[in-house]
Amino acid sequence: MDNETWVKRQTATPEARRLYEEERLILWATEAIAETIEEQGRTRADVAKALGTSRPNVTQLLSGSRNMTLRTLAALAHACGMRADLKLEPLPRLAHEPEVTALDRLQDYARWRRQESESVVDEFIAERRALRHHGGARKAS
Protein backbone atom coordinates (compact mmCIF):
# COMPACT_ATOMS: atom_id res chain seq x y z
CA MET A 1 0.00 0.00 0.00
CA ASP A 2 1.45 3.38 -0.94
CA ASN A 3 1.53 6.36 1.43
CA GLU A 4 -1.27 8.25 -0.34
CA THR A 5 -3.62 5.27 -0.07
CA TRP A 6 -2.75 4.85 3.61
CA VAL A 7 -3.38 8.54 4.37
CA LYS A 8 -6.65 8.44 2.44
CA ARG A 9 -7.83 5.51 4.54
CA GLN A 10 -6.70 7.16 7.77
CA THR A 11 -8.58 10.37 6.93
CA ALA A 12 -11.71 8.99 5.27
CA THR A 13 -14.08 10.40 7.90
CA PRO A 14 -13.94 13.45 10.16
CA GLU A 15 -13.38 11.18 13.19
CA ALA A 16 -10.60 9.28 11.41
CA ARG A 17 -9.00 12.60 10.39
CA ARG A 18 -9.10 13.82 14.00
CA LEU A 19 -7.40 10.64 15.21
CA TYR A 20 -4.84 10.89 12.40
CA GLU A 21 -4.01 14.46 13.43
CA GLU A 22 -3.64 13.40 17.08
CA GLU A 23 -1.22 10.62 16.17
CA ARG A 24 0.68 12.93 13.83
CA LEU A 25 1.23 15.46 16.62
CA ILE A 26 2.30 12.78 19.09
CA LEU A 27 4.78 11.37 16.56
CA TRP A 28 6.25 14.77 15.71
CA ALA A 29 6.58 15.80 19.36
CA THR A 30 8.24 12.57 20.45
CA GLU A 31 10.54 12.57 17.42
CA ALA A 32 11.60 16.16 18.13
CA ILE A 33 12.52 15.30 21.72
CA ALA A 34 14.27 12.03 20.75
CA GLU A 35 16.29 13.84 18.05
CA THR A 36 17.27 16.58 20.49
CA ILE A 37 18.43 14.02 23.05
CA GLU A 38 20.51 12.30 20.37
CA GLU A 39 21.95 15.52 18.95
CA GLN A 40 23.04 16.60 22.43
CA GLY A 41 24.74 13.25 23.03
CA ARG A 42 22.49 12.58 26.01
CA THR A 43 20.92 9.31 27.00
CA ARG A 44 17.37 8.67 28.09
CA ALA A 45 18.83 7.91 31.51
CA ASP A 46 20.33 11.43 31.60
CA VAL A 47 16.94 12.95 30.77
CA ALA A 48 15.19 10.71 33.29
CA LYS A 49 17.62 11.82 36.01
CA ALA A 50 16.99 15.49 35.16
CA LEU A 51 13.25 14.86 35.43
CA GLY A 52 13.45 12.75 38.57
CA THR A 53 11.90 9.75 36.85
CA SER A 54 13.06 6.43 35.42
CA ARG A 55 14.64 5.68 32.07
CA PRO A 56 11.82 3.22 31.21
CA ASN A 57 9.31 6.03 31.81
CA VAL A 58 11.15 8.31 29.38
CA THR A 59 11.38 5.46 26.87
CA GLN A 60 7.63 4.84 27.13
CA LEU A 61 6.89 8.54 26.67
CA LEU A 62 9.10 8.78 23.60
CA SER A 63 7.68 5.60 22.08
CA GLY A 64 4.18 7.05 22.22
CA SER A 65 2.94 4.19 24.39
CA ARG A 66 2.22 6.59 27.26
CA ASN A 67 0.01 9.62 27.03
CA MET A 68 2.26 12.67 27.02
CA THR A 69 0.68 15.81 28.41
CA LEU A 70 1.79 19.29 27.42
CA ARG A 71 3.37 19.59 30.86
CA THR A 72 5.40 16.44 30.23
CA LEU A 73 6.45 17.70 26.81
CA ALA A 74 7.55 21.00 28.33
CA ALA A 75 9.47 19.15 31.06
CA LEU A 76 11.21 16.88 28.55
CA ALA A 77 12.19 19.89 26.44
CA HIS A 78 13.40 21.74 29.54
CA ALA A 79 15.49 18.75 30.59
CA CYS A 80 17.24 19.12 27.23
CA GLY A 81 17.75 22.85 27.72
CA MET A 82 15.05 23.60 25.18
CA ARG A 83 11.62 25.21 25.06
CA ALA A 84 8.69 23.54 23.33
CA ASP A 85 6.70 25.76 20.98
CA LEU A 86 3.26 25.28 19.50
CA LYS A 87 1.79 26.61 16.31
CA LEU A 88 -1.66 26.12 14.88
CA GLU A 89 -2.29 26.11 11.16
CA PRO A 90 -5.25 25.31 8.95
CA LEU A 91 -5.63 21.66 8.06
CA PRO A 92 -4.36 21.05 4.57
CA ARG A 93 -6.93 19.81 2.09
CA LEU A 94 -6.18 16.21 1.24
CA ALA A 95 -6.31 14.96 -2.33
CA HIS A 96 -9.51 12.96 -1.72
CA GLU A 97 -11.34 15.81 0.03
CA PRO A 98 -13.56 18.15 -1.95
CA GLU A 99 -12.06 21.55 -2.61
CA VAL A 100 -13.33 24.22 -0.27
CA THR A 101 -13.81 27.42 -2.19
CA ALA A 102 -13.86 30.96 -0.86
CA LEU A 103 -17.62 30.91 -1.46
CA ASP A 104 -17.96 27.77 0.72
CA ARG A 105 -16.02 29.48 3.51
CA LEU A 106 -18.10 32.64 3.15
CA GLN A 107 -21.33 30.63 3.31
CA ASP A 108 -20.10 28.78 6.40
CA TYR A 109 -19.26 32.10 8.02
CA ALA A 110 -22.67 33.54 7.11
CA ARG A 111 -24.39 30.47 8.61
CA TRP A 112 -22.34 30.83 11.78
CA ARG A 113 -23.17 34.57 12.02
CA ARG A 114 -26.89 33.82 11.58
CA GLN A 115 -26.73 31.21 14.32
CA GLU A 116 -24.86 33.60 16.60
CA SER A 117 -27.35 36.40 15.86
CA GLU A 118 -30.31 34.11 16.48
CA SER A 119 -28.74 32.99 19.74
CA VAL A 120 -28.22 36.59 20.90
CA VAL A 121 -31.79 37.52 19.93
CA ASP A 122 -33.17 34.43 21.73
CA GLU A 123 -31.20 35.35 24.86
CA PHE A 124 -32.45 38.95 24.70
CA ILE A 125 -36.07 37.83 24.33
CA ALA A 126 -35.71 35.37 27.23
CA GLU A 127 -34.22 38.10 29.44
CA ARG A 128 -37.01 40.54 28.54
CA ARG A 129 -39.66 37.93 29.29
CA ALA A 130 -38.02 37.13 32.62
CA LEU A 131 -37.90 40.82 33.54
CA ARG A 132 -41.52 41.30 32.54
CA HIS A 133 -42.55 38.21 34.48
CA HIS A 134 -40.65 39.26 37.62
CA GLY A 135 -41.71 42.89 37.22
CA GLY A 136 -45.34 41.87 36.83
CA ALA A 137 -45.16 39.74 39.95
CA ARG A 138 -43.89 42.71 41.98
CA LYS A 139 -46.71 44.99 40.78
CA ALA A 140 -49.33 42.44 41.70
CA SER A 141 -47.98 42.07 45.26
C-alpha atoms as a PDB file:
ATOM      1  CA  MET A   1       0.000   0.000   0.000  1.00  0.00           C
ATOM      2  CA  ASP A   2       1.452   3.381  -0.939  1.00  0.00           C
ATOM      3  CA  ASN A   3       1.526   6.357   1.433  1.00  0.00           C
ATOM      4  CA  GLU A   4      -1.267   8.250  -0.344  1.00  0.00           C
ATOM      5  CA  THR A   5      -3.623   5.265  -0.071  1.00  0.00           C
ATOM      6  CA  TRP A   6      -2.750   4.852   3.608  1.00  0.00           C
ATOM      7  CA  VAL A   7      -3.380   8.543   4.365  1.00  0.00           C
ATOM      8  CA  LYS A   8      -6.649   8.438   2.438  1.00  0.00           C
ATOM      9  CA  ARG A   9      -7.828   5.510   4.537  1.00  0.00           C
ATOM     10  CA  GLN A  10      -6.701   7.158   7.771  1.00  0.00           C
ATOM     11  CA  THR A  11      -8.578  10.366   6.935  1.00  0.00           C
ATOM     12  CA  ALA A  12     -11.711   8.991   5.270  1.00  0.00           C
ATOM     13  CA  THR A  13     -14.084  10.399   7.900  1.00  0.00           C
ATOM     14  CA  PRO A  14     -13.936  13.448  10.164  1.00  0.00           C
ATOM     15  CA  GLU A  15     -13.381  11.178  13.186  1.00  0.00           C
ATOM     16  CA  ALA A  16     -10.598   9.280  11.407  1.00  0.00           C
ATOM     17  CA  ARG A  17      -9.003  12.602  10.394  1.00  0.00           C
ATOM     18  CA  ARG A  18      -9.101  13.820  14.002  1.00  0.00           C
ATOM     19  CA  LEU A  19      -7.397  10.635  15.210  1.00  0.00           C
ATOM     20  CA  TYR A  20      -4.838  10.891  12.402  1.00  0.00           C
ATOM     21  CA  GLU A  21      -4.007  14.465  13.432  1.00  0.00           C
ATOM     22  CA  GLU A  22      -3.643  13.398  17.084  1.00  0.00           C
ATOM     23  CA  GLU A  23      -1.219  10.622  16.171  1.00  0.00           C
ATOM     24  CA  ARG A  24       0.680  12.933  13.825  1.00  0.00           C
ATOM     25  CA  LEU A  25       1.233  15.464  16.618  1.00  0.00           C
ATOM     26  CA  ILE A  26       2.305  12.775  19.090  1.00  0.00           C
ATOM     27  CA  LEU A  27       4.778  11.374  16.564  1.00  0.00           C
ATOM     28  CA  TRP A  28       6.253  14.772  15.709  1.00  0.00           C
ATOM     29  CA  ALA A  29       6.582  15.801  19.358  1.00  0.00           C
ATOM     30  CA  THR A  30       8.237  12.571  20.453  1.00  0.00           C
ATOM     31  CA  GLU A  31      10.544  12.575  17.419  1.00  0.00           C
ATOM     32  CA  ALA A  32      11.600  16.160  18.127  1.00  0.00           C
ATOM     33  CA  ILE A  33      12.519  15.298  21.725  1.00  0.00           C
ATOM     34  CA  ALA A  34      14.267  12.035  20.751  1.00  0.00           C
ATOM     35  CA  GLU A  35      16.290  13.841  18.046  1.00  0.00           C
ATOM     36  CA  THR A  36      17.268  16.583  20.490  1.00  0.00           C
ATOM     37  CA  ILE A  37      18.428  14.020  23.047  1.00  0.00           C
ATOM     38  CA  GLU A  38      20.506  12.296  20.369  1.00  0.00           C
ATOM     39  CA  GLU A  39      21.951  15.525  18.947  1.00  0.00           C
ATOM     40  CA  GLN A  40      23.039  16.601  22.426  1.00  0.00           C
ATOM     41  CA  GLY A  41      24.740  13.253  23.033  1.00  0.00           C
ATOM     42  CA  ARG A  42      22.495  12.582  26.006  1.00  0.00           C
ATOM     43  CA  THR A  43      20.919   9.314  26.999  1.00  0.00           C
ATOM     44  CA  ARG A  44      17.365   8.669  28.087  1.00  0.00           C
ATOM     45  CA  ALA A  45      18.831   7.909  31.506  1.00  0.00           C
ATOM     46  CA  ASP A  46      20.328  11.435  31.598  1.00  0.00           C
ATOM     47  CA  VAL A  47      16.941  12.950  30.766  1.00  0.00           C
ATOM     48  CA  ALA A  48      15.187  10.708  33.291  1.00  0.00           C
ATOM     49  CA  LYS A  49      17.623  11.823  36.009  1.00  0.00           C
ATOM     50  CA  ALA A  50      16.995  15.490  35.158  1.00  0.00           C
ATOM     51  CA  LEU A  51      13.246  14.861  35.431  1.00  0.00           C
ATOM     52  CA  GLY A  52      13.447  12.754  38.573  1.00  0.00           C
ATOM     53  CA  THR A  53      11.897   9.755  36.852  1.00  0.00           C
ATOM     54  CA  SER A  54      13.063   6.432  35.424  1.00  0.00           C
ATOM     55  CA  ARG A  55      14.644   5.677  32.071  1.00  0.00           C
ATOM     56  CA  PRO A  56      11.821   3.221  31.215  1.00  0.00           C
ATOM     57  CA  ASN A  57       9.307   6.026  31.810  1.00  0.00           C
ATOM     58  CA  VAL A  58      11.154   8.312  29.380  1.00  0.00           C
ATOM     59  CA  THR A  59      11.380   5.465  26.869  1.00  0.00           C
ATOM     60  CA  GLN A  60       7.626   4.843  27.133  1.00  0.00           C
ATOM     61  CA  LEU A  61       6.885   8.543  26.671  1.00  0.00           C
ATOM     62  CA  LEU A  62       9.097   8.778  23.597  1.00  0.00           C
ATOM     63  CA  SER A  63       7.684   5.596  22.084  1.00  0.00           C
ATOM     64  CA  GLY A  64       4.177   7.049  22.219  1.00  0.00           C
ATOM     65  CA  SER A  65       2.935   4.194  24.387  1.00  0.00           C
ATOM     66  CA  ARG A  66       2.222   6.592  27.264  1.00  0.00           C
ATOM     67  CA  ASN A  67       0.012   9.624  27.033  1.00  0.00           C
ATOM     68  CA  MET A  68       2.259  12.667  27.022  1.00  0.00           C
ATOM     69  CA  THR A  69       0.678  15.814  28.412  1.00  0.00           C
ATOM     70  CA  LEU A  70       1.788  19.291  27.418  1.00  0.00           C
ATOM     71  CA  ARG A  71       3.369  19.588  30.865  1.00  0.00           C
ATOM     72  CA  THR A  72       5.400  16.442  30.234  1.00  0.00           C
ATOM     73  CA  LEU A  73       6.453  17.696  26.806  1.00  0.00           C
ATOM     74  CA  ALA A  74       7.552  21.004  28.331  1.00  0.00           C
ATOM     75  CA  ALA A  75       9.469  19.148  31.064  1.00  0.00           C
ATOM     76  CA  LEU A  76      11.209  16.881  28.548  1.00  0.00           C
ATOM     77  CA  ALA A  77      12.189  19.892  26.441  1.00  0.00           C
ATOM     78  CA  HIS A  78      13.404  21.745  29.535  1.00  0.00           C
ATOM     79  CA  ALA A  79      15.491  18.751  30.594  1.00  0.00           C
ATOM     80  CA  CYS A  80      17.238  19.115  27.230  1.00  0.00           C
ATOM     81  CA  GLY A  81      17.752  22.846  27.720  1.00  0.00           C
ATOM     82  CA  MET A  82      15.052  23.597  25.176  1.00  0.00           C
ATOM     83  CA  ARG A  83      11.623  25.207  25.062  1.00  0.00           C
ATOM     84  CA  ALA A  84       8.685  23.540  23.335  1.00  0.00           C
ATOM     85  CA  ASP A  85       6.698  25.756  20.981  1.00  0.00           C
ATOM     86  CA  LEU A  86       3.265  25.283  19.500  1.00  0.00           C
ATOM     87  CA  LYS A  87       1.791  26.613  16.308  1.00  0.00           C
ATOM     88  CA  LEU A  88      -1.662  26.116  14.876  1.00  0.00           C
ATOM     89  CA  GLU A  89      -2.293  26.106  11.163  1.00  0.00           C
ATOM     90  CA  PRO A  90      -5.246  25.315   8.951  1.00  0.00           C
ATOM     91  CA  LEU A  91      -5.635  21.663   8.060  1.00  0.00           C
ATOM     92  CA  PRO A  92      -4.360  21.051   4.570  1.00  0.00           C
ATOM     93  CA  ARG A  93      -6.930  19.808   2.095  1.00  0.00           C
ATOM     94  CA  LEU A  94      -6.178  16.212   1.241  1.00  0.00           C
ATOM     95  CA  ALA A  95      -6.313  14.957  -2.330  1.00  0.00           C
ATOM     96  CA  HIS A  96      -9.513  12.961  -1.723  1.00  0.00           C
ATOM     97  CA  GLU A  97     -11.336  15.813   0.033  1.00  0.00           C
ATOM     98  CA  PRO A  98     -13.558  18.154  -1.955  1.00  0.00           C
ATOM     99  CA  GLU A  99     -12.058  21.549  -2.606  1.00  0.00           C
ATOM    100  CA  VAL A 100     -13.334  24.221  -0.274  1.00  0.00           C
ATOM    101  CA  THR A 101     -13.809  27.420  -2.188  1.00  0.00           C
ATOM    102  CA  ALA A 102     -13.862  30.956  -0.859  1.00  0.00           C
ATOM    103  CA  LEU A 103     -17.617  30.912  -1.457  1.00  0.00           C
ATOM    104  CA  ASP A 104     -17.957  27.774   0.718  1.00  0.00           C
ATOM    105  CA  ARG A 105     -16.021  29.484   3.511  1.00  0.00           C
ATOM    106  CA  LEU A 106     -18.104  32.638   3.153  1.00  0.00           C
ATOM    107  CA  GLN A 107     -21.331  30.628   3.305  1.00  0.00           C
ATOM    108  CA  ASP A 108     -20.098  28.775   6.399  1.00  0.00           C
ATOM    109  CA  TYR A 109     -19.262  32.102   8.018  1.00  0.00           C
ATOM    110  CA  ALA A 110     -22.665  33.541   7.110  1.00  0.00           C
ATOM    111  CA  ARG A 111     -24.389  30.467   8.610  1.00  0.00           C
ATOM    112  CA  TRP A 112     -22.345  30.827  11.775  1.00  0.00           C
ATOM    113  CA  ARG A 113     -23.170  34.566  12.024  1.00  0.00           C
ATOM    114  CA  ARG A 114     -26.894  33.824  11.580  1.00  0.00           C
ATOM    115  CA  GLN A 115     -26.728  31.206  14.325  1.00  0.00           C
ATOM    116  CA  GLU A 116     -24.860  33.602  16.602  1.00  0.00           C
ATOM    117  CA  SER A 117     -27.352  36.396  15.861  1.00  0.00           C
ATOM    118  CA  GLU A 118     -30.315  34.109  16.480  1.00  0.00           C
ATOM    119  CA  SER A 119     -28.735  32.990  19.743  1.00  0.00           C
ATOM    120  CA  VAL A 120     -28.224  36.594  20.899  1.00  0.00           C
ATOM    121  CA  VAL A 121     -31.791  37.520  19.925  1.00  0.00           C
ATOM    122  CA  ASP A 122     -33.165  34.431  21.728  1.00  0.00           C
ATOM    123  CA  GLU A 123     -31.204  35.348  24.862  1.00  0.00           C
ATOM    124  CA  PHE A 124     -32.446  38.953  24.695  1.00  0.00           C
ATOM    125  CA  ILE A 125     -36.070  37.827  24.333  1.00  0.00           C
ATOM    126  CA  ALA A 126     -35.712  35.369  27.225  1.00  0.00           C
ATOM    127  CA  GLU A 127     -34.220  38.102  29.441  1.00  0.00           C
ATOM    128  CA  ARG A 128     -37.009  40.543  28.539  1.00  0.00           C
ATOM    129  CA  ARG A 129     -39.657  37.927  29.290  1.00  0.00           C
ATOM    130  CA  ALA A 130     -38.022  37.131  32.622  1.00  0.00           C
ATOM    131  CA  LEU A 131     -37.900  40.822  33.538  1.00  0.00           C
ATOM    132  CA  ARG A 132     -41.522  41.298  32.544  1.00  0.00           C
ATOM    133  CA  HIS A 133     -42.549  38.212  34.484  1.00  0.00           C
ATOM    134  CA  HIS A 134     -40.651  39.256  37.619  1.00  0.00           C
ATOM    135  CA  GLY A 135     -41.706  42.892  37.223  1.00  0.00           C
ATOM    136  CA  GLY A 136     -45.340  41.867  36.832  1.00  0.00           C
ATOM    137  CA  ALA A 137     -45.156  39.741  39.953  1.00  0.00           C
ATOM    138  CA  ARG A 138     -43.895  42.708  41.981  1.00  0.00           C
ATOM    139  CA  LYS A 139     -46.709  44.994  40.782  1.00  0.00           C
ATOM    140  CA  ALA A 140     -49.334  42.435  41.698  1.00  0.00           C
ATOM    141  CA  SER A 141     -47.978  42.072  45.263  1.00  0.00           C
END
